[in-house]
N, C-alpha and C. Protein backbone atom coordinates (compact mmCIF):
# COMPACT_ATOMS: atom_id res chain seq x y z
N MET A 1 0.80 -0.84 0.01
CA MET A 1 -0.36 0.10 -0.23
C MET A 1 0.85 0.85 -0.07
N THR A 2 0.90 2.09 -1.04
CA THR A 2 1.78 3.26 -1.14
C THR A 2 0.64 4.49 -0.28
N LYS A 3 1.79 5.22 0.59
CA LYS A 3 1.01 6.54 1.00
C LYS A 3 1.25 7.63 0.13
N HIS A 4 0.80 8.90 -0.67
CA HIS A 4 0.70 9.60 -0.99
C HIS A 4 1.45 10.72 -0.37
N PRO A 5 2.60 10.96 0.01
CA PRO A 5 3.30 12.37 0.87
C PRO A 5 2.65 13.55 0.57
N GLU A 6 2.66 13.79 -0.58
CA GLU A 6 2.04 15.38 -0.96
C GLU A 6 0.49 15.90 -0.63
N ASP A 7 -0.43 14.44 -0.02
CA ASP A 7 -1.50 14.57 0.01
C ASP A 7 -1.71 14.72 1.14
N ILE A 8 -0.95 13.98 2.20
CA ILE A 8 -0.47 13.82 3.56
C ILE A 8 -0.02 14.88 4.40
N GLN A 9 0.88 15.52 3.70
CA GLN A 9 1.07 16.98 4.05
C GLN A 9 -0.24 18.32 4.07
N LYS A 10 -0.70 18.10 2.42
CA LYS A 10 -1.59 19.14 2.45
C LYS A 10 -2.66 19.05 3.69
N VAL A 11 -3.30 17.98 4.26
CA VAL A 11 -3.87 17.81 5.00
C VAL A 11 -3.27 18.08 6.77
N ALA A 12 -1.95 17.42 6.68
CA ALA A 12 -1.35 17.86 7.75
C ALA A 12 -1.32 19.18 7.79
N LYS A 13 -1.21 19.97 6.61
CA LYS A 13 -0.89 21.89 6.99
C LYS A 13 -2.49 22.16 7.63
N LEU A 14 -3.62 21.30 6.86
CA LEU A 14 -5.10 21.87 6.85
C LEU A 14 -5.53 21.91 8.06
N ILE A 15 -5.01 20.66 9.52
CA ILE A 15 -5.55 20.60 10.53
C ILE A 15 -4.58 20.67 11.50
N LYS A 16 -3.62 21.06 11.54
CA LYS A 16 -2.63 21.83 12.35
C LYS A 16 -3.27 22.90 13.30
N ASP A 17 -3.04 22.60 14.50
CA ASP A 17 -3.65 23.79 15.08
C ASP A 17 -4.87 23.65 15.60
N ILE A 18 -5.55 22.78 14.86
CA ILE A 18 -7.03 22.27 15.40
C ILE A 18 -6.98 21.77 16.50
N ASP A 19 -7.50 22.29 17.58
CA ASP A 19 -7.35 21.19 18.88
C ASP A 19 -8.83 20.47 19.23
N THR A 20 -9.94 20.61 18.51
CA THR A 20 -10.69 19.65 18.49
C THR A 20 -11.40 19.04 17.52
N ALA A 21 -11.54 17.75 17.16
CA ALA A 21 -12.20 17.02 16.19
C ALA A 21 -13.27 16.03 16.47
N MET A 22 -14.19 16.24 15.37
CA MET A 22 -15.61 15.25 16.05
C MET A 22 -15.36 13.72 15.52
N LEU A 23 -15.02 12.66 16.12
CA LEU A 23 -15.02 11.64 15.94
C LEU A 23 -16.48 10.74 15.48
N THR A 24 -16.72 10.44 14.48
CA THR A 24 -17.87 9.78 14.06
C THR A 24 -17.83 7.94 14.31
N THR A 25 -18.74 6.80 14.74
CA THR A 25 -18.76 5.71 14.85
C THR A 25 -19.78 5.23 14.38
N ILE A 26 -19.53 4.07 14.29
CA ILE A 26 -21.32 3.43 14.05
C ILE A 26 -21.74 2.70 15.06
N SER A 27 -22.74 3.08 15.57
CA SER A 27 -23.47 2.38 16.59
C SER A 27 -24.58 1.51 16.01
N GLU A 28 -25.64 0.41 17.41
CA GLU A 28 -26.61 -0.29 16.64
C GLU A 28 -27.50 0.58 16.19
N ASN A 29 -27.72 2.23 16.98
CA ASN A 29 -28.86 2.96 16.12
C ASN A 29 -28.07 3.83 15.06
N GLY A 30 -27.25 3.52 14.76
CA GLY A 30 -26.57 4.28 13.13
C GLY A 30 -25.21 4.87 13.64
N LEU A 31 -25.34 6.31 13.10
CA LEU A 31 -23.97 6.88 13.40
C LEU A 31 -24.05 8.47 14.45
N VAL A 32 -22.92 7.90 15.05
CA VAL A 32 -22.24 9.01 16.30
C VAL A 32 -21.53 9.53 16.37
N SER A 33 -21.34 11.09 16.70
CA SER A 33 -20.41 12.19 16.60
C SER A 33 -20.38 12.50 18.02
N ARG A 34 -18.71 12.70 18.25
CA ARG A 34 -18.61 13.40 19.73
C ARG A 34 -17.35 14.04 19.55
N PRO A 35 -16.95 15.18 20.28
CA PRO A 35 -15.56 15.99 20.28
C PRO A 35 -14.30 15.13 20.79
N MET A 36 -13.42 15.33 19.66
CA MET A 36 -11.94 14.63 20.82
C MET A 36 -11.06 15.74 20.80
N LYS A 37 -9.97 15.34 21.60
CA LYS A 37 -9.23 16.21 21.76
C LYS A 37 -8.07 15.87 20.18
N THR A 38 -7.65 16.31 19.42
CA THR A 38 -6.40 16.25 18.55
C THR A 38 -5.26 16.23 19.72
N GLN A 39 -4.50 15.33 19.44
CA GLN A 39 -3.30 15.27 19.75
C GLN A 39 -1.70 16.15 19.13
N GLU A 40 -1.30 16.53 19.48
CA GLU A 40 -0.19 17.82 19.02
C GLU A 40 0.79 17.22 18.67
N LEU A 41 0.64 16.08 17.44
CA LEU A 41 1.46 15.57 16.75
C LEU A 41 1.19 15.69 15.63
N GLU A 42 2.54 15.70 14.77
CA GLU A 42 2.34 15.77 13.00
C GLU A 42 1.74 14.66 12.34
N PHE A 43 0.66 15.08 11.54
CA PHE A 43 -0.26 14.03 11.06
C PHE A 43 0.74 13.23 10.35
N ASP A 44 0.70 12.11 9.97
CA ASP A 44 1.37 10.91 9.44
C ASP A 44 0.81 9.81 8.48
N GLY A 45 -0.71 10.20 8.22
CA GLY A 45 -1.89 9.06 7.60
C GLY A 45 -2.35 8.50 9.23
N ASP A 46 -2.04 8.86 10.08
CA ASP A 46 -2.77 8.12 11.33
C ASP A 46 -3.09 9.55 12.40
N LEU A 47 -4.22 9.40 12.92
CA LEU A 47 -4.65 9.96 13.92
C LEU A 47 -4.83 9.16 15.21
N TRP A 48 -4.42 10.09 16.27
CA TRP A 48 -4.50 9.21 17.88
C TRP A 48 -5.42 10.31 18.69
N PHE A 49 -6.28 9.46 19.11
CA PHE A 49 -6.97 10.30 20.28
C PHE A 49 -7.19 9.18 21.73
N LEU A 50 -7.34 9.81 22.75
CA LEU A 50 -7.44 8.81 24.01
C LEU A 50 -8.76 8.95 24.32
N THR A 51 -8.98 7.64 25.13
CA THR A 51 -10.40 7.50 25.69
C THR A 51 -10.40 6.24 26.58
N LYS A 52 -11.11 6.14 27.59
CA LYS A 52 -11.43 4.74 28.48
C LYS A 52 -12.26 3.97 27.77
N LYS A 53 -12.00 3.01 28.05
CA LYS A 53 -12.76 1.47 27.52
C LYS A 53 -14.01 1.50 28.10
N ASP A 54 -14.79 1.69 28.97
CA ASP A 54 -15.79 1.69 28.90
C ASP A 54 -16.87 2.65 28.90
N THR A 55 -16.43 3.66 27.49
CA THR A 55 -17.10 4.22 26.90
C THR A 55 -17.98 3.63 25.57
N SER A 56 -18.66 4.24 25.16
CA SER A 56 -19.80 3.79 23.74
C SER A 56 -18.75 3.72 22.87
N LYS A 57 -18.03 4.60 22.50
CA LYS A 57 -17.02 4.94 21.18
C LYS A 57 -16.07 3.54 21.18
N PHE A 58 -15.50 3.35 22.06
CA PHE A 58 -14.60 1.82 22.41
C PHE A 58 -15.46 0.52 21.83
N HIS A 59 -16.80 0.63 22.35
CA HIS A 59 -17.38 -0.68 22.05
C HIS A 59 -18.18 -0.67 20.63
N GLU A 60 -18.18 0.67 20.27
CA GLU A 60 -18.53 0.63 18.98
C GLU A 60 -17.18 0.42 17.92
N ILE A 61 -16.32 0.77 18.31
CA ILE A 61 -14.84 0.54 17.43
C ILE A 61 -14.71 -1.03 17.30
N LEU A 62 -14.80 -1.17 18.45
CA LEU A 62 -14.94 -2.90 18.80
C LEU A 62 -15.83 -3.88 17.72
N HIS A 63 -16.62 -3.15 17.82
CA HIS A 63 -17.87 -3.94 16.54
C HIS A 63 -18.01 -3.45 14.89
N ASN A 64 -17.34 -2.31 15.14
CA ASN A 64 -17.14 -1.84 13.47
C ASN A 64 -16.13 -0.84 13.13
N LYS A 65 -15.12 -1.03 12.81
CA LYS A 65 -13.45 -0.24 12.69
C LYS A 65 -13.73 1.30 11.56
N GLN A 66 -14.82 1.76 11.23
CA GLN A 66 -14.87 1.95 10.20
C GLN A 66 -15.46 3.64 11.03
N VAL A 67 -14.35 4.73 10.72
CA VAL A 67 -14.86 5.84 11.55
C VAL A 67 -14.64 7.13 10.51
N ASN A 68 -14.96 7.97 11.25
CA ASN A 68 -14.88 9.06 10.18
C ASN A 68 -14.46 10.11 11.17
N VAL A 69 -13.10 11.13 10.56
CA VAL A 69 -13.02 12.17 11.49
C VAL A 69 -12.81 13.29 11.13
N ALA A 70 -13.88 14.74 11.74
CA ALA A 70 -13.88 16.02 10.99
C ALA A 70 -13.39 16.89 11.82
N TYR A 71 -13.08 18.10 10.68
CA TYR A 71 -11.73 19.17 11.58
C TYR A 71 -12.72 20.35 10.68
N ALA A 72 -13.02 21.43 12.02
CA ALA A 72 -13.83 22.96 11.06
C ALA A 72 -13.15 23.51 12.03
N ASP A 73 -12.32 24.23 11.34
CA ASP A 73 -11.84 25.79 12.11
C ASP A 73 -11.11 26.32 10.96
N LYS A 74 -10.06 26.97 10.85
CA LYS A 74 -9.41 27.86 9.58
C LYS A 74 -9.53 26.98 8.06
N SER A 75 -9.87 25.28 8.22
CA SER A 75 -10.33 24.71 6.94
C SER A 75 -11.26 23.49 7.47
N TYR A 76 -11.86 22.58 6.65
CA TYR A 76 -12.79 21.82 6.77
C TYR A 76 -12.23 20.68 6.37
N VAL A 77 -12.32 19.67 7.22
CA VAL A 77 -11.39 18.56 6.79
C VAL A 77 -12.10 17.16 7.17
N SER A 78 -12.74 16.03 6.08
CA SER A 78 -13.40 15.09 6.80
C SER A 78 -12.39 13.98 6.25
N VAL A 79 -11.99 13.14 7.00
CA VAL A 79 -11.13 12.32 6.97
C VAL A 79 -12.06 10.40 7.43
N ARG A 80 -11.47 9.97 6.54
CA ARG A 80 -12.35 8.54 6.74
C ARG A 80 -11.56 7.47 6.96
N GLY A 81 -11.20 6.27 7.34
CA GLY A 81 -10.06 5.52 7.76
C GLY A 81 -11.19 4.33 8.96
N ASN A 82 -10.05 3.93 9.56
CA ASN A 82 -10.31 2.40 10.31
C ASN A 82 -9.97 2.83 11.28
N ALA A 83 -10.49 2.40 12.68
CA ALA A 83 -9.80 2.86 13.89
C ALA A 83 -9.35 1.52 14.55
N GLU A 84 -8.25 1.41 15.32
CA GLU A 84 -7.67 0.60 16.02
C GLU A 84 -7.25 1.05 17.50
N LEU A 85 -7.70 0.20 18.48
CA LEU A 85 -7.84 0.12 19.75
C LEU A 85 -6.50 0.19 20.18
N ILE A 86 -5.52 0.44 21.01
CA ILE A 86 -4.05 0.75 21.31
C ILE A 86 -4.10 0.43 22.63
N ASP A 87 -3.47 -0.67 23.26
CA ASP A 87 -3.57 -0.60 24.80
C ASP A 87 -2.09 -0.71 25.18
N SER A 88 -1.83 0.68 25.36
CA SER A 88 -0.33 0.77 25.53
C SER A 88 -0.05 1.84 26.36
N PRO A 89 0.15 1.53 27.28
CA PRO A 89 0.60 2.53 28.74
C PRO A 89 1.48 3.62 28.54
N GLU A 90 2.72 2.93 27.55
CA GLU A 90 4.07 4.00 27.11
C GLU A 90 3.27 5.00 26.14
N LYS A 91 2.63 4.46 25.51
CA LYS A 91 2.17 5.77 24.05
C LYS A 91 1.21 6.64 25.34
N ILE A 92 0.58 5.93 25.86
CA ILE A 92 -0.52 7.37 26.59
C ILE A 92 -0.07 7.94 28.10
N LYS A 93 0.96 7.39 28.14
CA LYS A 93 2.01 8.26 28.49
C LYS A 93 2.72 9.65 28.28
N GLU A 94 3.11 9.39 26.59
CA GLU A 94 3.75 10.27 25.75
C GLU A 94 3.17 10.80 25.90
N PHE A 95 1.73 10.47 25.33
CA PHE A 95 0.49 11.45 24.86
C PHE A 95 -0.17 12.18 25.96
N TRP A 96 0.06 12.26 27.04
CA TRP A 96 -0.73 12.75 28.08
C TRP A 96 -0.57 14.29 28.42
N ASN A 97 -1.62 14.68 28.53
CA ASN A 97 -1.40 16.53 29.51
C ASN A 97 -2.24 16.49 30.35
N LYS A 98 -2.16 17.71 30.93
CA LYS A 98 -2.72 17.74 32.20
C LYS A 98 -4.41 18.08 31.66
N ALA A 99 -4.62 18.77 30.49
CA ALA A 99 -5.94 18.39 30.10
C ALA A 99 -6.60 17.35 30.16
N TYR A 100 -5.95 16.23 30.20
CA TYR A 100 -6.79 15.04 30.24
C TYR A 100 -7.22 14.72 31.63
N GLU A 101 -6.27 15.17 32.87
CA GLU A 101 -6.84 14.67 34.09
C GLU A 101 -8.30 15.19 33.97
N GLU A 102 -8.43 16.34 33.86
CA GLU A 102 -9.87 17.12 34.08
C GLU A 102 -11.13 16.49 32.84
N ILE A 103 -10.66 16.15 31.47
CA ILE A 103 -11.30 15.81 30.73
C ILE A 103 -11.70 14.33 31.01
N LEU A 104 -10.84 13.53 31.49
CA LEU A 104 -11.27 12.03 31.64
C LEU A 104 -11.32 11.64 33.26
N ASP A 105 -11.15 12.68 33.96
CA ASP A 105 -11.05 12.79 35.75
C ASP A 105 -10.49 11.49 35.57
N CYS A 106 -8.83 10.75 35.08
CA CYS A 106 -7.94 10.24 36.14
C CYS A 106 -6.70 10.70 35.78
N SER A 107 -5.72 9.63 35.58
CA SER A 107 -4.68 10.43 35.58
C SER A 107 -3.85 8.91 34.52
N TYR A 108 -2.74 9.85 33.69
CA TYR A 108 -2.25 8.62 32.98
C TYR A 108 -1.95 6.97 33.03
N ASP A 109 -1.83 6.62 34.26
CA ASP A 109 -1.52 5.36 34.80
C ASP A 109 -2.68 4.91 35.04
N ASP A 110 -3.74 5.40 34.06
CA ASP A 110 -5.24 4.49 34.87
C ASP A 110 -5.47 3.37 33.93
N PRO A 111 -5.92 2.25 34.10
CA PRO A 111 -5.61 0.95 33.51
C PRO A 111 -7.00 1.21 32.64
N SER A 112 -7.77 2.02 32.49
CA SER A 112 -9.04 1.96 31.62
C SER A 112 -9.13 2.76 30.25
N LEU A 113 -7.75 3.33 30.70
CA LEU A 113 -7.18 4.31 29.46
C LEU A 113 -6.75 3.51 28.12
N VAL A 114 -7.23 3.84 27.24
CA VAL A 114 -6.85 3.24 25.67
C VAL A 114 -7.07 4.58 24.93
N LEU A 115 -5.98 3.88 23.67
CA LEU A 115 -5.74 4.75 22.46
C LEU A 115 -6.65 4.67 21.32
N ILE A 116 -6.81 5.34 20.53
CA ILE A 116 -7.55 5.38 19.21
C ILE A 116 -6.80 5.16 17.80
N LYS A 117 -6.38 4.81 17.26
CA LYS A 117 -5.48 5.04 16.12
C LYS A 117 -6.39 4.84 14.55
N VAL A 118 -6.45 5.93 14.46
CA VAL A 118 -7.14 5.91 12.72
C VAL A 118 -6.36 5.98 12.04
N HIS A 119 -6.15 5.13 10.75
CA HIS A 119 -5.88 4.80 9.75
C HIS A 119 -6.34 5.36 8.68
N ALA A 120 -5.58 7.17 8.42
CA ALA A 120 -6.48 7.71 6.89
C ALA A 120 -6.44 6.72 5.85
N GLU A 121 -7.36 6.58 5.14
CA GLU A 121 -7.59 6.03 3.85
C GLU A 121 -8.02 7.37 3.22
N THR A 122 -9.16 8.42 2.97
CA THR A 122 -9.07 9.35 2.38
C THR A 122 -9.39 10.53 3.08
N ALA A 123 -9.54 11.48 2.39
CA ALA A 123 -9.55 13.18 3.03
C ALA A 123 -10.35 13.69 2.25
N GLU A 124 -11.26 14.62 2.52
CA GLU A 124 -11.95 15.53 1.37
C GLU A 124 -11.53 16.74 2.56
N TYR A 125 -11.38 17.84 1.71
CA TYR A 125 -11.41 19.20 2.50
C TYR A 125 -11.68 20.09 1.52
N TRP A 126 -12.01 21.44 2.27
CA TRP A 126 -12.49 22.46 1.77
C TRP A 126 -11.63 23.69 2.29
N ASP A 127 -10.74 24.37 1.90
CA ASP A 127 -9.90 24.37 2.10
C ASP A 127 -10.36 26.79 2.28
N SER A 128 -10.61 26.71 3.01
CA SER A 128 -11.39 28.64 3.23
C SER A 128 -10.29 29.27 2.97
N GLY A 129 -8.91 29.00 3.22
CA GLY A 129 -7.69 30.02 2.41
C GLY A 129 -8.07 30.19 1.00
N ASN A 130 -8.75 29.06 -0.03
CA ASN A 130 -8.84 29.53 -0.86
C ASN A 130 -10.22 29.96 -1.76
N LYS A 131 -9.83 31.63 -1.26
CA LYS A 131 -10.67 32.58 -1.57
C LYS A 131 -11.13 32.10 -3.15
N PHE A 132 -10.48 32.22 -3.96
CA PHE A 132 -10.34 32.63 -5.52
C PHE A 132 -11.45 31.30 -5.96
N LYS A 133 -11.03 30.21 -5.87
CA LYS A 133 -11.95 29.00 -5.80
C LYS A 133 -13.08 29.13 -5.49
N MET A 134 -13.61 29.89 -4.09
CA MET A 134 -14.64 29.79 -3.61
C MET A 134 -15.47 30.96 -4.16
N MET A 135 -15.14 32.24 -4.49
CA MET A 135 -15.41 32.99 -5.39
C MET A 135 -16.01 32.41 -7.00
N THR A 136 -15.15 31.91 -7.23
CA THR A 136 -15.65 31.49 -8.57
C THR A 136 -16.83 30.65 -8.46
N TYR A 137 -16.76 29.77 -7.49
CA TYR A 137 -17.80 28.89 -7.35
C TYR A 137 -19.08 29.67 -7.11
N MET A 138 -19.17 30.33 -6.33
CA MET A 138 -20.30 31.06 -6.22
C MET A 138 -20.62 32.56 -7.39
N LEU A 139 -19.66 32.45 -7.72
CA LEU A 139 -20.28 33.74 -9.15
C LEU A 139 -20.55 32.69 -10.24
N ARG A 140 -20.47 31.64 -10.18
CA ARG A 140 -20.99 30.51 -11.12
C ARG A 140 -22.50 30.25 -11.02
N ARG A 141 -22.47 29.88 -9.70
CA ARG A 141 -23.73 29.43 -9.35
C ARG A 141 -25.01 30.84 -9.74
N ALA A 142 -24.42 31.77 -9.46
CA ALA A 142 -25.01 33.31 -9.18
C ALA A 142 -25.60 33.36 -10.34
N VAL A 143 -24.99 32.92 -11.70
CA VAL A 143 -25.37 33.53 -12.83
C VAL A 143 -25.92 32.28 -13.72
N GLY A 144 -26.12 31.33 -12.64
CA GLY A 144 -27.19 29.75 -13.07
C GLY A 144 -26.78 29.43 -14.20
N GLN A 145 -24.95 28.87 -13.95
CA GLN A 145 -24.44 27.72 -14.44
C GLN A 145 -24.69 26.76 -13.39
N ASP A 146 -24.24 25.39 -14.20
CA ASP A 146 -24.49 24.20 -13.23
C ASP A 146 -23.27 23.79 -12.49
N VAL A 147 -23.48 23.86 -11.70
CA VAL A 147 -22.07 23.86 -10.05
C VAL A 147 -22.45 22.71 -9.31
N LYS A 148 -21.90 22.10 -8.75
CA LYS A 148 -22.32 20.66 -7.80
C LYS A 148 -21.28 21.31 -6.81
N ALA A 149 -21.58 20.96 -5.23
CA ALA A 149 -20.86 21.31 -4.59
C ALA A 149 -19.54 20.66 -4.48
N SER A 150 -19.35 19.31 -4.94
CA SER A 150 -18.05 19.00 -4.87
C SER A 150 -16.86 19.62 -6.46
N ASP A 151 -17.58 21.02 -6.82
CA ASP A 151 -16.70 22.18 -6.85
C ASP A 151 -15.88 22.51 -6.08
N MET A 152 -16.08 22.69 -4.84
CA MET A 152 -15.49 23.34 -4.25
C MET A 152 -14.87 22.63 -3.17
N ASN A 153 -14.50 21.22 -3.27
CA ASN A 153 -13.74 20.35 -2.52
C ASN A 153 -12.63 19.72 -3.38
N GLU A 154 -11.90 19.06 -2.29
CA GLU A 154 -10.87 17.89 -3.09
C GLU A 154 -11.22 17.14 -2.18
N GLU A 155 -10.71 15.86 -2.93
CA GLU A 155 -10.57 14.64 -2.04
C GLU A 155 -9.39 13.70 -2.79
N VAL A 156 -8.59 13.57 -1.61
CA VAL A 156 -7.09 13.02 -1.77
C VAL A 156 -7.22 11.36 -1.06
N ASN A 157 -6.28 10.62 -1.45
CA ASN A 157 -6.42 9.29 -1.24
C ASN A 157 -4.84 9.37 -0.50
N LEU A 158 -5.09 8.94 1.00
CA LEU A 158 -3.88 8.65 1.79
C LEU A 158 -3.47 7.47 1.92
N LYS A 159 -3.74 6.25 1.50
CA LYS A 159 -3.19 5.11 1.79
C LYS A 159 -2.42 4.68 0.48
């Protein structure tokens, strides 16, 4: 499986410094999204999140590894991939910061902690910095030209 470094770099740039992402999993009742703290490390094709084993998202990922991670701030990025649950006290300690003590109400050595590693497959993004593309799209739409929402976004293969 070949990774696409230029696409990974683009996504890394777009999600850099966005503190919160929405992680979507599949439950018995359908899709469920919840905010997750983004890890402060460079995106390399994988996304990391920290959770507890007694959460619904943990059990949902056990049953269906397909997830989506959405970022919305300076840019809009939707990453689709498969999640893996990683039980690694060493890695948890590496990612740990004081904010988690309050968010998760525990310390880094709590045995109920687990990492969610999302192996990104594709990403779709709307770069709010591309004003020309946005203005062109809106102008074409305003004059009645046939435009699709997909004319505003880009999709890249990350695996």
